[in-house]
Amino acid sequence: MTTNGSRTTVLTNIGTLVTNDPTLGEGKLGVRHDAAIVFDEGVVAWVGDSADAPAADIGQDIGGRALLPGFVESHSHLVFGGERAEEFAARMAGEKYAAGGIRNTIEATRSATDEQLQANVRRLLDESLRSGSTTVECKTGYGQNTESELRSALIAGQFTDEVTLLARPRSTTRICRSRR
């Protein structure tokens, strides 16, 4: 199934395929069983039963596994310094903000090198992909001043060809009020 000189890939023996298109399968999610799917240059070109799958340049039997669309992470601030594991543990123990909260993250973000922030964004994106998120919205937000937010936006922009969301510094937060 080569079209216009492009490369096609067929995945067959899909135990359960979730299409998100009710016209392609059962129920609102368009679920199919013993399915196949053809991609033409990464774009879905055909969906149907494995027995009816057309030939393609590359074929892969996925052994009855499920195939579903990737998750979308619609709210993430990936550009930040430091870690908040200590704060999380404190909150789980009922100690609200006992470990420093957002202030520590703001300070760590401002003092981190660009290379440290880039490495953290890459690590978090890789972890998201391994967990099934194929689309991640990346916001700034831990700079809390114009210079740091712009720096964060430039770093985030290195990981996408889409729009980077720039958070307006929250001038009404305690940390910003205390630094005026």
N, C-alpha and C. Protein backbone atom coordinates (compact mmCIF):
# COMPACT_ATOMS: atom_id res chain seq x y z
N MET A 1 0.84 -1.20 0.00
CA MET A 1 0.00 0.00 0.00
C MET A 1 0.87 1.25 0.00
N THR A 2 1.81 1.33 -0.90
CA THR A 2 2.63 2.53 -1.02
C THR A 2 1.84 3.56 -1.82
N THR A 3 1.76 4.77 -1.29
CA THR A 3 1.02 5.82 -1.98
C THR A 3 1.93 7.01 -2.20
N ASN A 4 1.99 7.48 -3.41
CA ASN A 4 2.77 8.67 -3.76
C ASN A 4 4.22 8.59 -3.29
N GLY A 5 4.80 7.39 -3.31
CA GLY A 5 6.19 7.25 -2.92
C GLY A 5 6.45 7.30 -1.43
N SER A 6 5.41 7.37 -0.61
CA SER A 6 5.60 7.43 0.84
C SER A 6 5.71 6.01 1.39
N ARG A 7 6.23 5.90 2.62
CA ARG A 7 6.38 4.60 3.27
C ARG A 7 5.17 4.33 4.16
N THR A 8 4.67 3.10 4.06
CA THR A 8 3.53 2.71 4.87
C THR A 8 3.93 1.62 5.86
N THR A 9 3.21 1.60 6.96
CA THR A 9 3.43 0.60 8.01
C THR A 9 2.08 0.02 8.37
N VAL A 10 2.01 -1.31 8.49
CA VAL A 10 0.79 -1.97 8.93
C VAL A 10 1.07 -2.68 10.25
N LEU A 11 0.19 -2.47 11.21
CA LEU A 11 0.22 -3.19 12.47
C LEU A 11 -0.95 -4.16 12.44
N THR A 12 -0.66 -5.45 12.62
CA THR A 12 -1.71 -6.47 12.58
C THR A 12 -1.77 -7.21 13.91
N ASN A 13 -2.80 -8.04 14.04
CA ASN A 13 -3.02 -8.85 15.24
C ASN A 13 -3.13 -7.96 16.48
N ILE A 14 -3.88 -6.87 16.33
CA ILE A 14 -4.16 -5.98 17.46
C ILE A 14 -5.34 -6.59 18.21
N GLY A 15 -5.11 -7.01 19.45
CA GLY A 15 -6.17 -7.64 20.23
C GLY A 15 -7.35 -6.72 20.44
N THR A 16 -7.07 -5.49 20.88
CA THR A 16 -8.10 -4.46 21.07
C THR A 16 -7.55 -3.15 20.54
N LEU A 17 -8.26 -2.55 19.63
CA LEU A 17 -7.88 -1.26 19.06
C LEU A 17 -8.93 -0.23 19.45
N VAL A 18 -8.50 0.82 20.13
CA VAL A 18 -9.39 1.92 20.49
C VAL A 18 -9.14 3.04 19.48
N THR A 19 -10.15 3.33 18.65
CA THR A 19 -9.97 4.31 17.58
C THR A 19 -10.43 5.71 17.96
N ASN A 20 -11.28 5.83 18.97
CA ASN A 20 -11.94 7.09 19.32
C ASN A 20 -12.86 7.59 18.21
N ASP A 21 -13.26 6.70 17.33
CA ASP A 21 -14.18 7.03 16.25
C ASP A 21 -15.28 5.97 16.22
N PRO A 22 -16.49 6.32 16.69
CA PRO A 22 -17.56 5.33 16.76
C PRO A 22 -17.96 4.75 15.40
N THR A 23 -17.58 5.38 14.31
CA THR A 23 -17.90 4.82 12.99
C THR A 23 -16.94 3.70 12.61
N LEU A 24 -15.85 3.54 13.37
CA LEU A 24 -14.84 2.53 13.03
C LEU A 24 -14.91 1.29 13.92
N GLY A 25 -15.79 1.30 14.92
CA GLY A 25 -15.87 0.15 15.82
C GLY A 25 -17.02 0.29 16.79
N GLU A 26 -16.98 -0.53 17.83
CA GLU A 26 -18.07 -0.60 18.81
C GLU A 26 -18.05 0.57 19.79
N GLY A 27 -19.24 1.04 20.15
CA GLY A 27 -19.39 2.05 21.19
C GLY A 27 -18.82 3.41 20.83
N LYS A 28 -18.84 4.29 21.82
CA LYS A 28 -18.37 5.67 21.62
C LYS A 28 -16.88 5.73 21.31
N LEU A 29 -16.12 4.72 21.79
CA LEU A 29 -14.67 4.72 21.57
C LEU A 29 -14.27 4.02 20.28
N GLY A 30 -15.22 3.48 19.56
CA GLY A 30 -14.89 2.81 18.30
C GLY A 30 -13.92 1.65 18.50
N VAL A 31 -14.24 0.76 19.43
CA VAL A 31 -13.35 -0.36 19.76
C VAL A 31 -13.49 -1.48 18.73
N ARG A 32 -12.34 -1.98 18.29
CA ARG A 32 -12.29 -3.11 17.35
C ARG A 32 -11.44 -4.21 17.97
N HIS A 33 -11.73 -5.45 17.61
CA HIS A 33 -10.95 -6.60 18.08
C HIS A 33 -10.34 -7.31 16.88
N ASP A 34 -9.18 -7.94 17.10
CA ASP A 34 -8.43 -8.59 16.02
C ASP A 34 -8.32 -7.63 14.84
N ALA A 35 -7.81 -6.46 15.12
CA ALA A 35 -7.79 -5.36 14.16
C ALA A 35 -6.41 -5.15 13.54
N ALA A 36 -6.40 -4.29 12.56
CA ALA A 36 -5.16 -3.85 11.92
C ALA A 36 -5.29 -2.36 11.63
N ILE A 37 -4.14 -1.72 11.51
CA ILE A 37 -4.12 -0.29 11.20
C ILE A 37 -2.93 -0.02 10.29
N VAL A 38 -3.14 0.82 9.30
CA VAL A 38 -2.07 1.20 8.37
C VAL A 38 -1.77 2.68 8.55
N PHE A 39 -0.47 2.98 8.65
CA PHE A 39 0.00 4.36 8.73
C PHE A 39 0.73 4.70 7.45
N ASP A 40 0.46 5.86 6.91
CA ASP A 40 1.18 6.37 5.74
C ASP A 40 1.95 7.60 6.21
N GLU A 41 3.26 7.45 6.31
CA GLU A 41 4.12 8.53 6.83
C GLU A 41 3.64 8.99 8.20
N GLY A 42 3.23 8.05 9.05
CA GLY A 42 2.84 8.37 10.42
C GLY A 42 1.40 8.79 10.60
N VAL A 43 0.64 8.87 9.52
CA VAL A 43 -0.77 9.28 9.58
C VAL A 43 -1.64 8.05 9.31
N VAL A 44 -2.69 7.87 10.11
CA VAL A 44 -3.57 6.72 9.91
C VAL A 44 -4.19 6.80 8.52
N ALA A 45 -4.01 5.72 7.74
CA ALA A 45 -4.54 5.67 6.38
C ALA A 45 -5.64 4.63 6.22
N TRP A 46 -5.68 3.64 7.12
CA TRP A 46 -6.67 2.56 7.01
C TRP A 46 -6.83 1.88 8.36
N VAL A 47 -8.06 1.48 8.69
CA VAL A 47 -8.37 0.72 9.89
C VAL A 47 -9.35 -0.37 9.50
N GLY A 48 -9.11 -1.58 9.98
CA GLY A 48 -10.02 -2.68 9.67
C GLY A 48 -9.64 -3.94 10.39
N ASP A 49 -10.16 -5.07 9.89
CA ASP A 49 -9.86 -6.37 10.48
C ASP A 49 -8.48 -6.83 10.03
N SER A 50 -7.78 -7.55 10.91
CA SER A 50 -6.45 -8.05 10.57
C SER A 50 -6.47 -8.88 9.29
N ALA A 51 -7.51 -9.70 9.12
CA ALA A 51 -7.61 -10.57 7.94
C ALA A 51 -7.69 -9.77 6.64
N ASP A 52 -8.15 -8.54 6.71
CA ASP A 52 -8.33 -7.71 5.52
C ASP A 52 -7.24 -6.67 5.33
N ALA A 53 -6.21 -6.71 6.14
CA ALA A 53 -5.17 -5.67 6.11
C ALA A 53 -4.43 -5.67 4.77
N PRO A 54 -4.29 -4.50 4.18
CA PRO A 54 -3.54 -4.40 2.93
C PRO A 54 -2.04 -4.54 3.19
N ALA A 55 -1.30 -4.85 2.16
CA ALA A 55 0.16 -4.94 2.27
C ALA A 55 0.72 -3.54 2.52
N ALA A 56 1.87 -3.51 3.15
CA ALA A 56 2.54 -2.23 3.42
C ALA A 56 4.04 -2.45 3.32
N ASP A 57 4.78 -1.35 3.30
CA ASP A 57 6.24 -1.44 3.22
C ASP A 57 6.83 -2.12 4.45
N ILE A 58 6.25 -1.84 5.61
CA ILE A 58 6.71 -2.41 6.87
C ILE A 58 5.51 -3.05 7.54
N GLY A 59 5.69 -4.26 8.03
CA GLY A 59 4.62 -4.95 8.74
C GLY A 59 5.06 -5.35 10.13
N GLN A 60 4.14 -5.26 11.08
CA GLN A 60 4.46 -5.63 12.46
C GLN A 60 3.26 -6.30 13.09
N ASP A 61 3.44 -7.56 13.51
CA ASP A 61 2.42 -8.29 14.26
C ASP A 61 2.62 -7.91 15.73
N ILE A 62 1.61 -7.30 16.36
CA ILE A 62 1.82 -6.85 17.74
C ILE A 62 1.31 -7.86 18.77
N GLY A 63 1.06 -9.07 18.32
CA GLY A 63 0.84 -10.18 19.23
C GLY A 63 -0.38 -10.10 20.13
N GLY A 64 -1.46 -9.53 19.63
CA GLY A 64 -2.69 -9.48 20.42
C GLY A 64 -2.75 -8.40 21.48
N ARG A 65 -1.76 -7.54 21.50
CA ARG A 65 -1.74 -6.45 22.49
C ARG A 65 -2.80 -5.40 22.15
N ALA A 66 -3.10 -4.56 23.11
CA ALA A 66 -4.04 -3.45 22.90
C ALA A 66 -3.29 -2.27 22.30
N LEU A 67 -3.98 -1.51 21.50
CA LEU A 67 -3.43 -0.29 20.91
C LEU A 67 -4.47 0.81 21.11
N LEU A 68 -4.04 1.90 21.73
CA LEU A 68 -4.95 3.01 21.97
C LEU A 68 -4.22 4.32 21.77
N PRO A 69 -4.97 5.40 21.55
CA PRO A 69 -4.33 6.70 21.36
C PRO A 69 -3.51 7.10 22.57
N GLY A 70 -2.49 7.90 22.34
CA GLY A 70 -1.66 8.38 23.44
C GLY A 70 -2.44 9.33 24.33
N PHE A 71 -2.00 9.40 25.58
CA PHE A 71 -2.61 10.33 26.53
C PHE A 71 -2.13 11.75 26.24
N VAL A 72 -2.92 12.73 26.66
CA VAL A 72 -2.56 14.14 26.53
C VAL A 72 -2.38 14.71 27.93
N GLU A 73 -1.20 15.24 28.20
CA GLU A 73 -0.92 15.92 29.47
C GLU A 73 -1.20 17.39 29.21
N SER A 74 -2.32 17.87 29.70
CA SER A 74 -2.78 19.21 29.32
C SER A 74 -2.40 20.30 30.31
N HIS A 75 -1.66 19.97 31.35
CA HIS A 75 -1.25 21.02 32.28
C HIS A 75 0.04 20.59 32.95
N SER A 76 1.14 21.09 32.44
CA SER A 76 2.43 20.75 33.06
C SER A 76 3.37 21.94 32.99
N HIS A 77 4.11 22.11 34.05
CA HIS A 77 5.15 23.13 34.14
C HIS A 77 6.46 22.35 34.18
N LEU A 78 7.03 22.07 33.01
CA LEU A 78 8.20 21.20 32.94
C LEU A 78 9.52 21.91 33.20
N VAL A 79 9.55 23.22 33.04
CA VAL A 79 10.80 23.95 33.24
C VAL A 79 10.87 24.40 34.69
N PHE A 80 11.62 23.66 35.48
CA PHE A 80 11.81 24.04 36.88
C PHE A 80 13.08 23.40 37.41
N GLY A 81 13.60 23.99 38.45
CA GLY A 81 14.78 23.46 39.11
C GLY A 81 14.40 22.79 40.41
N GLY A 82 15.29 21.94 40.88
CA GLY A 82 15.06 21.27 42.16
C GLY A 82 14.06 20.15 42.05
N GLU A 83 13.71 19.62 43.18
CA GLU A 83 12.73 18.54 43.28
C GLU A 83 11.74 18.89 44.38
N ARG A 84 10.55 18.35 44.28
CA ARG A 84 9.54 18.63 45.31
C ARG A 84 9.11 17.35 46.03
N ALA A 85 9.96 16.32 45.96
CA ALA A 85 9.63 15.05 46.61
C ALA A 85 9.49 15.23 48.11
N GLU A 86 10.37 16.04 48.70
CA GLU A 86 10.32 16.28 50.14
C GLU A 86 9.00 16.95 50.53
N GLU A 87 8.61 17.93 49.74
CA GLU A 87 7.34 18.62 50.00
C GLU A 87 6.17 17.66 49.86
N PHE A 88 6.21 16.82 48.83
CA PHE A 88 5.13 15.85 48.62
C PHE A 88 5.01 14.92 49.83
N ALA A 89 6.14 14.41 50.29
CA ALA A 89 6.14 13.51 51.46
C ALA A 89 5.59 14.23 52.69
N ALA A 90 5.97 15.50 52.87
CA ALA A 90 5.48 16.27 54.02
C ALA A 90 3.97 16.46 53.92
N ARG A 91 3.48 16.77 52.73
CA ARG A 91 2.03 16.96 52.55
C ARG A 91 1.28 15.66 52.80
N MET A 92 1.85 14.54 52.37
CA MET A 92 1.21 13.24 52.62
C MET A 92 1.16 12.93 54.11
N ALA A 93 2.09 13.52 54.87
CA ALA A 93 2.11 13.33 56.33
C ALA A 93 1.29 14.40 57.05
N GLY A 94 0.58 15.25 56.26
CA GLY A 94 -0.28 16.26 56.85
C GLY A 94 0.42 17.55 57.23
N GLU A 95 1.65 17.74 56.81
CA GLU A 95 2.42 18.94 57.14
C GLU A 95 2.39 19.90 55.95
N LYS A 96 1.35 20.71 55.88
CA LYS A 96 1.15 21.61 54.76
C LYS A 96 2.32 22.57 54.59
N TYR A 97 2.96 22.51 53.42
CA TYR A 97 4.08 23.37 53.03
C TYR A 97 5.23 23.38 54.03
N ALA A 98 5.35 22.33 54.81
CA ALA A 98 6.45 22.26 55.79
C ALA A 98 7.81 22.17 55.12
N ALA A 99 7.84 21.72 53.87
CA ALA A 99 9.13 21.53 53.20
C ALA A 99 9.49 22.69 52.28
N GLY A 100 8.79 23.81 52.34
CA GLY A 100 9.17 24.99 51.58
C GLY A 100 8.26 25.35 50.43
N GLY A 101 7.56 24.40 49.88
CA GLY A 101 6.60 24.68 48.83
C GLY A 101 7.18 25.31 47.59
N ILE A 102 6.38 26.13 46.95
CA ILE A 102 6.75 26.72 45.67
C ILE A 102 7.95 27.66 45.80
N ARG A 103 8.16 28.24 46.94
CA ARG A 103 9.30 29.15 47.11
C ARG A 103 10.61 28.45 46.79
N ASN A 104 10.77 27.23 47.30
CA ASN A 104 12.00 26.48 47.01
C ASN A 104 12.15 26.23 45.51
N THR A 105 11.05 25.91 44.85
CA THR A 105 11.11 25.64 43.42
C THR A 105 11.45 26.90 42.63
N ILE A 106 10.89 28.02 43.02
CA ILE A 106 11.20 29.28 42.35
C ILE A 106 12.68 29.60 42.49
N GLU A 107 13.19 29.49 43.69
CA GLU A 107 14.62 29.77 43.92
C GLU A 107 15.50 28.80 43.15
N ALA A 108 15.15 27.52 43.17
CA ALA A 108 15.94 26.51 42.45
C ALA A 108 15.89 26.75 40.95
N THR A 109 14.75 27.18 40.44
CA THR A 109 14.61 27.46 39.01
C THR A 109 15.47 28.65 38.61
N ARG A 110 15.41 29.69 39.39
CA ARG A 110 16.19 30.89 39.09
C ARG A 110 17.69 30.63 39.16
N SER A 111 18.12 29.76 40.07
CA SER A 111 19.56 29.53 40.24
C SER A 111 20.10 28.40 39.37
N ALA A 112 19.24 27.61 38.74
CA ALA A 112 19.70 26.52 37.88
C ALA A 112 20.29 27.06 36.59
N THR A 113 21.23 26.32 36.03
CA THR A 113 21.78 26.69 34.72
C THR A 113 20.79 26.28 33.64
N ASP A 114 20.94 26.87 32.47
CA ASP A 114 20.09 26.47 31.35
C ASP A 114 20.23 24.98 31.08
N GLU A 115 21.46 24.47 31.17
CA GLU A 115 21.71 23.06 30.90
C GLU A 115 20.98 22.17 31.91
N GLN A 116 20.95 22.57 33.17
CA GLN A 116 20.24 21.79 34.19
C GLN A 116 18.73 21.78 33.91
N LEU A 117 18.20 22.94 33.54
CA LEU A 117 16.77 23.01 33.24
C LEU A 117 16.44 22.20 31.99
N GLN A 118 17.28 22.28 30.97
CA GLN A 118 17.06 21.51 29.74
C GLN A 118 17.08 20.01 30.04
N ALA A 119 18.04 19.57 30.85
CA ALA A 119 18.14 18.15 31.19
C ALA A 119 16.89 17.68 31.94
N ASN A 120 16.36 18.53 32.81
CA ASN A 120 15.16 18.17 33.56
C ASN A 120 13.95 18.08 32.64
N VAL A 121 13.82 19.02 31.70
CA VAL A 121 12.71 18.97 30.75
C VAL A 121 12.81 17.68 29.93
N ARG A 122 14.00 17.36 29.43
CA ARG A 122 14.18 16.14 28.63
C ARG A 122 13.80 14.90 29.46
N ARG A 123 14.25 14.85 30.71
CA ARG A 123 13.95 13.71 31.58
C ARG A 123 12.44 13.56 31.78
N LEU A 124 11.76 14.68 32.03
CA LEU A 124 10.32 14.64 32.27
C LEU A 124 9.54 14.27 31.00
N LEU A 125 9.98 14.78 29.85
CA LEU A 125 9.32 14.41 28.60
C LEU A 125 9.51 12.93 28.29
N ASP A 126 10.71 12.42 28.51
CA ASP A 126 10.97 11.00 28.30
C ASP A 126 10.10 10.14 29.21
N GLU A 127 9.99 10.56 30.47
CA GLU A 127 9.15 9.83 31.44
C GLU A 127 7.69 9.88 31.02
N SER A 128 7.23 11.02 30.53
CA SER A 128 5.84 11.15 30.07
C SER A 128 5.57 10.20 28.90
N LEU A 129 6.49 10.15 27.95
CA LEU A 129 6.31 9.28 26.79
C LEU A 129 6.30 7.81 27.21
N ARG A 130 7.20 7.43 28.10
CA ARG A 130 7.21 6.04 28.60
C ARG A 130 5.90 5.69 29.30
N SER A 131 5.25 6.69 29.87
CA SER A 131 3.99 6.47 30.59
C SER A 131 2.77 6.57 29.69
N GLY A 132 2.97 6.84 28.40
CA GLY A 132 1.86 6.86 27.46
C GLY A 132 1.38 8.22 27.02
N SER A 133 1.97 9.30 27.53
CA SER A 133 1.57 10.65 27.09
C SER A 133 2.36 11.00 25.83
N THR A 134 1.64 11.18 24.74
CA THR A 134 2.28 11.51 23.47
C THR A 134 2.20 12.99 23.15
N THR A 135 1.37 13.71 23.89
CA THR A 135 1.23 15.16 23.72
C THR A 135 1.30 15.79 25.10
N VAL A 136 2.19 16.76 25.25
CA VAL A 136 2.40 17.40 26.55
C VAL A 136 2.37 18.91 26.36
N GLU A 137 1.48 19.56 27.09
CA GLU A 137 1.48 21.01 27.11
C GLU A 137 2.55 21.44 28.11
N CYS A 138 3.41 22.34 27.68
CA CYS A 138 4.52 22.77 28.54
C CYS A 138 4.37 24.26 28.84
N LYS A 139 4.15 24.57 30.10
CA LYS A 139 3.99 25.96 30.52
C LYS A 139 5.22 26.39 31.31
N THR A 140 5.43 27.68 31.37
CA THR A 140 6.39 28.22 32.32
C THR A 140 5.62 28.43 33.62
N GLY A 141 6.22 29.07 34.61
CA GLY A 141 5.46 29.36 35.82
C GLY A 141 6.27 29.37 37.09
N TYR A 142 7.50 28.85 37.04
CA TYR A 142 8.30 28.81 38.26
C TYR A 142 9.39 29.87 38.27
N GLY A 143 9.34 30.81 37.36
CA GLY A 143 10.29 31.92 37.38
C GLY A 143 9.78 33.06 38.23
N GLN A 144 8.50 33.35 38.08
CA GLN A 144 7.79 34.36 38.86
C GLN A 144 8.33 35.78 38.69
N ASN A 145 9.13 36.01 37.67
CA ASN A 145 9.45 37.37 37.26
C ASN A 145 9.66 37.32 35.75
N THR A 146 9.59 38.46 35.11
CA THR A 146 9.60 38.50 33.65
C THR A 146 10.84 37.84 33.07
N GLU A 147 12.00 38.17 33.59
CA GLU A 147 13.25 37.62 33.06
C GLU A 147 13.28 36.09 33.17
N SER A 148 12.93 35.57 34.32
CA SER A 148 12.96 34.11 34.53
C SER A 148 11.90 33.39 33.70
N GLU A 149 10.73 34.01 33.56
CA GLU A 149 9.68 33.39 32.76
C GLU A 149 10.06 33.36 31.28
N LEU A 150 10.67 34.44 30.78
CA LEU A 150 11.12 34.44 29.39
C LEU A 150 12.21 33.40 29.17
N ARG A 151 13.12 33.30 30.11
CA ARG A 151 14.17 32.28 30.04
C ARG A 151 13.55 30.88 29.99
N SER A 152 12.57 30.63 30.84
CA SER A 152 11.89 29.34 30.86
C SER A 152 11.18 29.07 29.54
N ALA A 153 10.55 30.09 28.97
CA ALA A 153 9.86 29.92 27.69
C ALA A 153 10.83 29.57 26.58
N LEU A 154 11.99 30.20 26.58
CA LEU A 154 13.00 29.88 25.56
C LEU A 154 13.50 28.45 25.71
N ILE A 155 13.67 28.01 26.93
CA ILE A 155 14.10 26.62 27.17
C ILE A 155 13.01 25.65 26.72
N ALA A 156 11.77 25.92 27.10
CA ALA A 156 10.66 25.05 26.70
C ALA A 156 10.54 25.00 25.19
N GLY A 157 10.76 26.14 24.54
CA GLY A 157 10.66 26.22 23.09
C GLY A 157 11.67 25.35 22.35
N GLN A 158 12.74 24.95 23.02
CA GLN A 158 13.74 24.08 22.40
C GLN A 158 13.22 22.65 22.22
N PHE A 159 12.11 22.33 22.86
CA PHE A 159 11.59 20.97 22.84
C PHE A 159 10.32 20.83 22.01
N THR A 160 9.96 21.85 21.28
CA THR A 160 8.72 21.79 20.51
C THR A 160 8.81 22.68 19.28
N ASP A 161 7.99 22.37 18.31
CA ASP A 161 7.83 23.27 17.18
C ASP A 161 6.46 23.93 17.25
N GLU A 162 5.82 23.77 18.38
CA GLU A 162 4.52 24.37 18.63
C GLU A 162 4.68 25.62 19.49
N VAL A 163 3.59 26.18 19.94
CA VAL A 163 3.59 27.38 20.77
C VAL A 163 3.97 27.02 22.20
N THR A 164 4.80 27.84 22.82
CA THR A 164 5.14 27.68 24.23
C THR A 164 4.28 28.65 25.03
N LEU A 165 3.65 28.17 26.09
CA LEU A 165 2.80 29.02 26.92
C LEU A 165 3.63 29.72 27.97
N LEU A 166 3.55 31.03 27.99
CA LEU A 166 4.30 31.84 28.95
C LEU A 166 3.36 32.26 30.07
N ALA A 167 3.69 31.88 31.28
CA ALA A 167 2.87 32.25 32.44
C ALA A 167 3.23 33.67 32.88
N ARG A 168 2.22 34.46 33.13
CA ARG A 168 2.46 35.81 33.64
C ARG A 168 2.89 35.69 35.09
N PRO A 169 3.97 36.36 35.47
CA PRO A 169 4.37 36.31 36.88
C PRO A 169 3.21 36.71 37.78
N ARG A 170 3.01 35.94 38.82
CA ARG A 170 1.89 36.16 39.74
C ARG A 170 2.30 37.19 40.78
N SER A 171 2.13 38.44 40.45
CA SER A 171 2.60 39.51 41.32
C SER A 171 1.84 39.58 42.64
N THR A 172 0.74 38.86 42.75
CA THR A 172 -0.01 38.92 44.00
C THR A 172 0.35 37.79 44.96
N THR A 173 1.23 36.88 44.55
CA THR A 173 1.61 35.81 45.47
C THR A 173 2.53 36.35 46.54
N ARG A 174 2.56 35.68 47.68
CA ARG A 174 3.38 36.12 48.81
C ARG A 174 4.84 36.29 48.42
N ILE A 175 5.37 35.36 47.67
CA ILE A 175 6.79 35.44 47.35
C ILE A 175 7.10 36.68 46.53
N CYS A 176 6.22 37.02 45.60
CA CYS A 176 6.47 38.20 44.78
C CYS A 176 6.24 39.48 45.57
N ARG A 177 5.21 39.49 46.41
CA ARG A 177 4.97 40.69 47.22
C ARG A 177 6.16 40.96 48.14
N SER A 178 6.75 39.88 48.67
CA SER A 178 7.85 40.08 49.61
C SER A 178 9.12 40.55 48.93
N ARG A 179 9.18 40.50 47.62
CA ARG A 179 10.38 40.89 46.89
C ARG A 179 10.23 42.23 46.16
N ARG A 180 9.11 42.90 46.34
CA ARG A 180 8.89 44.18 45.65
C ARG A 180 9.77 45.25 46.23
